[in-house]
């Protein structure tokens, strides 16, 4: 009997070595995925290529591109094509983020707001990673509730694209931070418990958590802390 295999009581029986390998590869790929995101945001801001993507058109391009990439990542996660497609997805997400980045940079303290949002997102990740490592109970039941919450927020965000309510954006941003911070904890715990054994899928999940928390923080900071010239 292999003593390194630890049945955790959650339906998983994965060796500690394998879990550590998945976690290590996930962290490396997650760090790497941030580079295309920054590049995509820079390209979008400097070229203004995404400025025309407003309202319904922007929503269609974003949802179509994002879900298309995610489908392709899941189909190729066990092959050599998985990592390049994931990095292409993160470039696309950076490109889509560039409209908000450009708007924030229009504030006198825009750079400071972006750095604050980055620091806040890193802080949330650190707290959730710490909690995931110390919580011993099974939290897999959170998944279905978080999914429902994410769908409700997505529908609200789509409606607000056409309504254009600042109060609505504030409420949605707060909900996104809460839901995807909890999702971060859930996804990290799944890796640590052996529930996720593919590092590409794990990276995709954590990347989406980080992206959503960062975007929501940036939106709130822009609303409350933006200083006009």
C-alpha atoms as a PDB file:
ATOM      1  CA  UNK A   1       0.000   0.000   0.000  1.00  0.00           C
ATOM      2  CA  UNK A   2       1.345   3.436  -0.971  1.00  0.00           C
ATOM      3  CA  UNK A   3       1.479   5.612   2.135  1.00  0.00           C
ATOM      4  CA  UNK A   4       1.755   8.765  -0.012  1.00  0.00           C
ATOM      5  CA  UNK A   5      -1.743   8.248  -1.367  1.00  0.00           C
ATOM      6  CA  UNK A   6      -4.104   9.966   1.023  1.00  0.00           C
ATOM      7  CA  UNK A   7      -7.858   9.396   0.624  1.00  0.00           C
ATOM      8  CA  UNK A   8      -9.219  12.738   1.797  1.00  0.00           C
ATOM      9  CA  UNK A   9     -12.820  11.771   2.319  1.00  0.00           C
ATOM     10  CA  UNK A  10     -13.986  13.899  -0.613  1.00  0.00           C
ATOM     11  CA  UNK A  11     -13.874  11.159  -3.228  1.00  0.00           C
ATOM     12  CA  UNK A  12     -10.217  11.864  -4.107  1.00  0.00           C
ATOM     13  CA  UNK A  13      -7.191   9.630  -3.587  1.00  0.00           C
ATOM     14  CA  UNK A  14      -4.233  11.451  -5.106  1.00  0.00           C
ATOM     15  CA  UNK A  15      -0.636  11.243  -3.949  1.00  0.00           C
ATOM     16  CA  UNK A  16       0.888  14.210  -2.170  1.00  0.00           C
ATOM     17  CA  UNK A  17       3.612  14.287  -4.814  1.00  0.00           C
ATOM     18  CA  UNK A  18       1.079  14.596  -7.620  1.00  0.00           C
ATOM     19  CA  UNK A  19      -0.881  17.301  -5.825  1.00  0.00           C
ATOM     20  CA  UNK A  20       2.290  19.311  -5.214  1.00  0.00           C
ATOM     21  CA  UNK A  21       3.302  18.917  -8.848  1.00  0.00           C
ATOM     22  CA  UNK A  22      -0.071  20.184 -10.088  1.00  0.00           C
ATOM     23  CA  UNK A  23       0.075  23.132  -7.673  1.00  0.00           C
ATOM     24  CA  UNK A  24       3.645  24.018  -8.673  1.00  0.00           C
ATOM     25  CA  UNK A  25       2.921  23.816 -12.412  1.00  0.00           C
ATOM     26  CA  UNK A  26      -0.267  25.835 -11.923  1.00  0.00           C
ATOM     27  CA  UNK A  27       1.566  28.642 -10.143  1.00  0.00           C
ATOM     28  CA  UNK A  28       4.273  28.768 -12.816  1.00  0.00           C
ATOM     29  CA  UNK A  29       1.758  28.834 -15.663  1.00  0.00           C
ATOM     30  CA  UNK A  30      -0.399  31.373 -13.831  1.00  0.00           C
ATOM     31  CA  UNK A  31       2.600  33.692 -13.467  1.00  0.00           C
ATOM     32  CA  UNK A  32       3.467  33.175 -17.147  1.00  0.00           C
ATOM     33  CA  UNK A  33      -0.121  33.881 -18.201  1.00  0.00           C
ATOM     34  CA  UNK A  34       0.075  37.383 -16.741  1.00  0.00           C
ATOM     35  CA  UNK A  35       2.685  38.402 -19.338  1.00  0.00           C
ATOM     36  CA  UNK A  36       0.363  38.034 -22.379  1.00  0.00           C
ATOM     37  CA  UNK A  37      -2.348  39.773 -20.364  1.00  0.00           C
ATOM     38  CA  UNK A  38      -0.115  42.813 -19.823  1.00  0.00           C
ATOM     39  CA  UNK A  39       0.953  42.697 -23.480  1.00  0.00           C
ATOM     40  CA  UNK A  40      -2.656  42.528 -24.653  1.00  0.00           C
ATOM     41  CA  UNK A  41      -3.635  45.455 -22.440  1.00  0.00           C
ATOM     42  CA  UNK A  42      -0.663  47.476 -23.717  1.00  0.00           C
ATOM     43  CA  UNK A  43      -1.528  46.742 -27.353  1.00  0.00           C
ATOM     44  CA  UNK A  44      -5.151  47.708 -26.743  1.00  0.00           C
ATOM     45  CA  UNK A  45      -4.281  50.967 -24.994  1.00  0.00           C
ATOM     46  CA  UNK A  46      -1.583  52.079 -27.448  1.00  0.00           C
ATOM     47  CA  UNK A  47      -3.489  51.204 -30.627  1.00  0.00           C
ATOM     48  CA  UNK A  48      -7.009  51.983 -29.412  1.00  0.00           C
ATOM     49  CA  UNK A  49      -8.153  48.881 -31.264  1.00  0.00           C
ATOM     50  CA  UNK A  50     -10.851  48.093 -28.721  1.00  0.00           C
ATOM     51  CA  UNK A  51     -12.353  51.592 -28.526  1.00  0.00           C
ATOM     52  CA  UNK A  52     -14.962  50.683 -31.134  1.00  0.00           C
ATOM     53  CA  UNK A  53     -16.133  47.709 -29.068  1.00  0.00           C
ATOM     54  CA  UNK A  54     -18.900  49.460 -27.172  1.00  0.00           C
ATOM     55  CA  UNK A  55     -22.313  48.263 -26.036  1.00  0.00           C
ATOM     56  CA  UNK A  56     -23.676  45.142 -27.684  1.00  0.00           C
ATOM     57  CA  UNK A  57     -20.785  44.765 -30.130  1.00  0.00           C
ATOM     58  CA  UNK A  58     -18.210  44.701 -27.341  1.00  0.00           C
ATOM     59  CA  UNK A  59     -20.308  42.201 -25.397  1.00  0.00           C
ATOM     60  CA  UNK A  60     -20.616  39.866 -28.394  1.00  0.00           C
ATOM     61  CA  UNK A  61     -16.880  39.980 -29.145  1.00  0.00           C
ATOM     62  CA  UNK A  62     -15.948  39.450 -25.496  1.00  0.00           C
ATOM     63  CA  UNK A  63     -18.347  36.578 -24.799  1.00  0.00           C
ATOM     64  CA  UNK A  64     -17.740  34.908 -28.157  1.00  0.00           C
ATOM     65  CA  UNK A  65     -13.961  35.140 -27.846  1.00  0.00           C
ATOM     66  CA  UNK A  66     -13.815  34.170 -24.169  1.00  0.00           C
ATOM     67  CA  UNK A  67     -16.098  31.146 -24.410  1.00  0.00           C
ATOM     68  CA  UNK A  68     -14.478  30.069 -27.685  1.00  0.00           C
ATOM     69  CA  UNK A  69     -11.035  30.134 -26.088  1.00  0.00           C
ATOM     70  CA  UNK A  70     -12.232  28.350 -22.932  1.00  0.00           C
ATOM     71  CA  UNK A  71     -13.834  25.600 -25.015  1.00  0.00           C
ATOM     72  CA  UNK A  72     -10.577  25.181 -26.977  1.00  0.00           C
ATOM     73  CA  UNK A  73      -8.500  25.100 -23.759  1.00  0.00           C
ATOM     74  CA  UNK A  74     -10.628  22.335 -22.255  1.00  0.00           C
ATOM     75  CA  UNK A  75     -10.410  20.341 -25.505  1.00  0.00           C
ATOM     76  CA  UNK A  76      -6.601  20.611 -25.650  1.00  0.00           C
ATOM     77  CA  UNK A  77      -5.693  20.583 -21.943  1.00  0.00           C
ATOM     78  CA  UNK A  78      -4.087  17.150 -22.218  1.00  0.00           C
ATOM     79  CA  UNK A  79      -2.041  17.990 -25.314  1.00  0.00           C
ATOM     80  CA  UNK A  80       0.922  20.186 -26.232  1.00  0.00           C
ATOM     81  CA  UNK A  81      -1.456  22.780 -27.701  1.00  0.00           C
ATOM     82  CA  UNK A  82      -3.101  23.490 -24.341  1.00  0.00           C
ATOM     83  CA  UNK A  83      -0.532  25.960 -23.005  1.00  0.00           C
ATOM     84  CA  UNK A  84      -0.241  28.116 -26.180  1.00  0.00           C
ATOM     85  CA  UNK A  85      -4.036  28.329 -26.447  1.00  0.00           C
ATOM     86  CA  UNK A  86      -4.268  29.326 -22.777  1.00  0.00           C
ATOM     87  CA  UNK A  87      -1.657  32.050 -23.321  1.00  0.00           C
ATOM     88  CA  UNK A  88      -3.572  33.230 -26.401  1.00  0.00           C
ATOM     89  CA  UNK A  89      -6.665  33.453 -24.229  1.00  0.00           C
ATOM     90  CA  UNK A  90      -4.866  35.574 -21.631  1.00  0.00           C
ATOM     91  CA  UNK A  91      -3.651  37.924 -24.402  1.00  0.00           C
ATOM     92  CA  UNK A  92      -7.246  38.254 -25.593  1.00  0.00           C
ATOM     93  CA  UNK A  93      -8.429  38.995 -22.054  1.00  0.00           C
ATOM     94  CA  UNK A  94      -5.764  41.676 -21.681  1.00  0.00           C
ATOM     95  CA  UNK A  95      -6.911  43.184 -24.970  1.00  0.00           C
ATOM     96  CA  UNK A  96     -10.513  43.237 -23.748  1.00  0.00           C
ATOM     97  CA  UNK A  97      -9.397  44.827 -20.480  1.00  0.00           C
ATOM     98  CA  UNK A  98      -7.626  47.650 -22.320  1.00  0.00           C
ATOM     99  CA  UNK A  99     -10.770  49.807 -22.657  1.00  0.00           C
ATOM    100  CA  UNK A 100     -11.109  49.982 -18.888  1.00  0.00           C
ATOM    101  CA  UNK A 101      -7.348  50.433 -18.450  1.00  0.00           C
ATOM    102  CA  UNK A 102      -7.418  53.309 -20.944  1.00  0.00           C
ATOM    103  CA  UNK A 103     -10.327  54.948 -19.130  1.00  0.00           C
ATOM    104  CA  UNK A 104      -8.551  54.638 -15.765  1.00  0.00           C
ATOM    105  CA  UNK A 105      -5.339  56.057 -17.227  1.00  0.00           C
ATOM    106  CA  UNK A 106      -7.393  59.082 -18.204  1.00  0.00           C
ATOM    107  CA  UNK A 107      -7.517  60.012 -14.524  1.00  0.00           C
ATOM    108  CA  UNK A 108      -4.700  62.062 -13.024  1.00  0.00           C
ATOM    109  CA  UNK A 109      -4.013  59.214 -10.571  1.00  0.00           C
ATOM    110  CA  UNK A 110      -4.764  56.442 -13.062  1.00  0.00           C
ATOM    111  CA  UNK A 111      -1.435  54.634 -12.705  1.00  0.00           C
ATOM    112  CA  UNK A 112      -1.795  54.665  -8.916  1.00  0.00           C
ATOM    113  CA  UNK A 113      -5.307  53.202  -9.172  1.00  0.00           C
ATOM    114  CA  UNK A 114      -4.088  50.377 -11.410  1.00  0.00           C
ATOM    115  CA  UNK A 115      -1.245  49.551  -9.030  1.00  0.00           C
ATOM    116  CA  UNK A 116      -3.674  49.622  -6.096  1.00  0.00           C
ATOM    117  CA  UNK A 117      -5.990  47.202  -7.898  1.00  0.00           C
ATOM    118  CA  UNK A 118      -3.056  44.905  -8.646  1.00  0.00           C
ATOM    119  CA  UNK A 119      -1.953  45.025  -5.018  1.00  0.00           C
ATOM    120  CA  UNK A 120      -5.485  44.367  -3.806  1.00  0.00           C
ATOM    121  CA  UNK A 121      -5.858  41.379  -6.135  1.00  0.00           C
ATOM    122  CA  UNK A 122      -2.517  39.962  -4.981  1.00  0.00           C
ATOM    123  CA  UNK A 123      -3.646  40.446  -1.386  1.00  0.00           C
ATOM    124  CA  UNK A 124      -6.894  38.557  -1.996  1.00  0.00           C
ATOM    125  CA  UNK A 125      -4.946  35.718  -3.640  1.00  0.00           C
ATOM    126  CA  UNK A 126      -2.530  35.510  -0.703  1.00  0.00           C
ATOM    127  CA  UNK A 127      -5.373  35.379   1.830  1.00  0.00           C
ATOM    128  CA  UNK A 128      -7.283  32.728  -0.125  1.00  0.00           C
ATOM    129  CA  UNK A 129      -4.151  30.622  -0.686  1.00  0.00           C
ATOM    130  CA  UNK A 130      -3.452  30.766   3.049  1.00  0.00           C
ATOM    131  CA  UNK A 131      -7.029  29.803   3.920  1.00  0.00           C
ATOM    132  CA  UNK A 132      -6.982  26.955   1.395  1.00  0.00           C
ATOM    133  CA  UNK A 133      -3.888  25.528   3.057  1.00  0.00           C
ATOM    134  CA  UNK A 134      -5.303  25.640   6.606  1.00  0.00           C
ATOM    135  CA  UNK A 135      -8.962  24.711   6.062  1.00  0.00           C
ATOM    136  CA  UNK A 136      -9.329  20.967   6.599  1.00  0.00           C
ATOM    137  CA  UNK A 137     -13.036  20.504   5.908  1.00  0.00           C
ATOM    138  CA  UNK A 138     -14.549  19.694   2.532  1.00  0.00           C
ATOM    139  CA  UNK A 139     -15.798  22.855   0.800  1.00  0.00           C
ATOM    140  CA  UNK A 140     -16.607  21.205  -2.537  1.00  0.00           C
ATOM    141  CA  UNK A 141     -20.296  21.904  -1.912  1.00  0.00           C
ATOM    142  CA  UNK A 142     -19.580  25.606  -2.455  1.00  0.00           C
ATOM    143  CA  UNK A 143     -19.114  25.006  -6.149  1.00  0.00           C
ATOM    144  CA  UNK A 144     -22.765  24.848  -7.205  1.00  0.00           C
ATOM    145  CA  UNK A 145     -23.682  27.960  -5.193  1.00  0.00           C
ATOM    146  CA  UNK A 146     -20.744  29.917  -6.549  1.00  0.00           C
ATOM    147  CA  UNK A 147     -21.691  28.902 -10.089  1.00  0.00           C
ATOM    148  CA  UNK A 148     -25.252  30.137  -9.571  1.00  0.00           C
ATOM    149  CA  UNK A 149     -23.921  33.387  -8.110  1.00  0.00           C
ATOM    150  CA  UNK A 150     -21.550  33.861 -11.032  1.00  0.00           C
ATOM    151  CA  UNK A 151     -24.377  33.310 -13.537  1.00  0.00           C
ATOM    152  CA  UNK A 152     -26.619  35.839 -11.748  1.00  0.00           C
ATOM    153  CA  UNK A 153     -23.821  38.410 -11.736  1.00  0.00           C
ATOM    154  CA  UNK A 154     -23.075  37.767 -15.415  1.00  0.00           C
ATOM    155  CA  UNK A 155     -26.711  38.329 -16.356  1.00  0.00           C
ATOM    156  CA  UNK A 156     -26.733  41.508 -14.260  1.00  0.00           C
ATOM    157  CA  UNK A 157     -23.552  42.727 -15.946  1.00  0.00           C
ATOM    158  CA  UNK A 158     -24.992  42.064 -19.410  1.00  0.00           C
ATOM    159  CA  UNK A 159     -28.145  44.023 -18.547  1.00  0.00           C
ATOM    160  CA  UNK A 160     -26.055  46.871 -17.144  1.00  0.00           C
ATOM    161  CA  UNK A 161     -24.105  47.135 -20.412  1.00  0.00           C
ATOM    162  CA  UNK A 162     -27.316  48.460 -21.982  1.00  0.00           C
ATOM    163  CA  UNK A 163     -28.642  50.315 -18.914  1.00  0.00           C
ATOM    164  CA  UNK A 164     -25.343  52.026 -18.102  1.00  0.00           C
ATOM    165  CA  UNK A 165     -26.086  52.479 -14.399  1.00  0.00           C
ATOM    166  CA  UNK A 166     -23.171  53.560 -12.192  1.00  0.00           C
ATOM    167  CA  UNK A 167     -24.966  52.216  -9.106  1.00  0.00           C
ATOM    168  CA  UNK A 168     -25.517  48.951 -10.951  1.00  0.00           C
ATOM    169  CA  UNK A 169     -21.836  48.754 -11.842  1.00  0.00           C
ATOM    170  CA  UNK A 170     -20.899  49.356  -8.196  1.00  0.00           C
ATOM    171  CA  UNK A 171     -23.236  46.607  -6.959  1.00  0.00           C
ATOM    172  CA  UNK A 172     -22.045  44.170  -9.613  1.00  0.00           C
ATOM    173  CA  UNK A 173     -18.385  44.935  -8.882  1.00  0.00           C
ATOM    174  CA  UNK A 174     -18.845  44.278  -5.153  1.00  0.00           C
ATOM    175  CA  UNK A 175     -20.651  41.001  -5.926  1.00  0.00           C
ATOM    176  CA  UNK A 176     -17.922  39.954  -8.374  1.00  0.00           C
ATOM    177  CA  UNK A 177     -15.193  40.554  -5.782  1.00  0.00           C
ATOM    178  CA  UNK A 178     -17.067  38.486  -3.196  1.00  0.00           C
ATOM    179  CA  UNK A 179     -17.982  35.617  -5.522  1.00  0.00           C
ATOM    180  CA  UNK A 180     -14.650  35.271  -7.286  1.00  0.00           C
ATOM    181  CA  UNK A 181     -12.639  35.631  -4.082  1.00  0.00           C
ATOM    182  CA  UNK A 182     -14.639  32.675  -2.770  1.00  0.00           C
ATOM    183  CA  UNK A 183     -14.116  30.903  -6.112  1.00  0.00           C
ATOM    184  CA  UNK A 184     -10.371  31.438  -5.661  1.00  0.00           C
ATOM    185  CA  UNK A 185     -10.524  29.649  -2.316  1.00  0.00           C
ATOM    186  CA  UNK A 186     -12.624  26.871  -3.840  1.00  0.00           C
ATOM    187  CA  UNK A 187     -10.295  26.373  -6.829  1.00  0.00           C
ATOM    188  CA  UNK A 188      -7.129  26.404  -4.705  1.00  0.00           C
ATOM    189  CA  UNK A 189      -8.661  23.912  -2.263  1.00  0.00           C
ATOM    190  CA  UNK A 190      -9.575  21.596  -5.135  1.00  0.00           C
ATOM    191  CA  UNK A 191      -5.938  21.532  -6.245  1.00  0.00           C
ATOM    192  CA  UNK A 192      -4.640  20.977  -2.721  1.00  0.00           C
ATOM    193  CA  UNK A 193      -7.168  18.215  -2.075  1.00  0.00           C
ATOM    194  CA  UNK A 194      -6.484  16.440  -5.365  1.00  0.00           C
ATOM    195  CA  UNK A 195      -9.810  17.289  -6.965  1.00  0.00           C
ATOM    196  CA  UNK A 196      -8.099  19.010  -9.913  1.00  0.00           C
ATOM    197  CA  UNK A 197      -5.225  17.087 -11.472  1.00  0.00           C
ATOM    198  CA  UNK A 198      -4.776  19.031 -14.719  1.00  0.00           C
ATOM    199  CA  UNK A 199      -2.635  22.128 -14.259  1.00  0.00           C
ATOM    200  CA  UNK A 200      -3.956  23.826 -17.417  1.00  0.00           C
ATOM    201  CA  UNK A 201      -7.557  23.596 -16.184  1.00  0.00           C
ATOM    202  CA  UNK A 202      -6.410  24.710 -12.739  1.00  0.00           C
ATOM    203  CA  UNK A 203      -4.587  27.705 -14.216  1.00  0.00           C
ATOM    204  CA  UNK A 204      -7.608  28.692 -16.300  1.00  0.00           C
ATOM    205  CA  UNK A 205      -9.858  28.635 -13.228  1.00  0.00           C
ATOM    206  CA  UNK A 206      -7.488  30.697 -11.071  1.00  0.00           C
ATOM    207  CA  UNK A 207      -6.751  33.126 -13.901  1.00  0.00           C
ATOM    208  CA  UNK A 208     -10.460  33.855 -14.324  1.00  0.00           C
ATOM    209  CA  UNK A 209     -10.767  34.383 -10.556  1.00  0.00           C
ATOM    210  CA  UNK A 210      -7.877  36.847 -10.536  1.00  0.00           C
ATOM    211  CA  UNK A 211      -9.028  38.631 -13.695  1.00  0.00           C
ATOM    212  CA  UNK A 212     -12.533  39.179 -12.364  1.00  0.00           C
ATOM    213  CA  UNK A 213     -11.379  40.386  -8.948  1.00  0.00           C
ATOM    214  CA  UNK A 214      -8.869  42.778 -10.549  1.00  0.00           C
ATOM    215  CA  UNK A 215     -11.390  44.162 -13.033  1.00  0.00           C
ATOM    216  CA  UNK A 216     -14.019  44.695 -10.331  1.00  0.00           C
ATOM    217  CA  UNK A 217     -11.531  46.365  -7.975  1.00  0.00           C
ATOM    218  CA  UNK A 218     -10.372  48.629 -10.792  1.00  0.00           C
ATOM    219  CA  UNK A 219     -13.951  49.604 -11.599  1.00  0.00           C
ATOM    220  CA  UNK A 220     -14.662  50.514  -7.961  1.00  0.00           C
ATOM    221  CA  UNK A 221     -11.427  52.460  -7.632  1.00  0.00           C
ATOM    222  CA  UNK A 222     -12.231  54.349 -10.806  1.00  0.00           C
ATOM    223  CA  UNK A 223     -15.699  55.242  -9.514  1.00  0.00           C
ATOM    224  CA  UNK A 224     -14.637  56.291  -6.026  1.00  0.00           C
ATOM    225  CA  UNK A 225     -11.007  57.335  -6.407  1.00  0.00           C
ATOM    226  CA  UNK A 226     -10.578  58.692  -9.907  1.00  0.00           C
ATOM    227  CA  UNK A 227      -9.172  62.241  -9.950  1.00  0.00           C
ATOM    228  CA  UNK A 228      -9.897  64.322 -13.041  1.00  0.00           C
ATOM    229  CA  UNK A 229      -7.230  66.623 -14.449  1.00  0.00           C
END
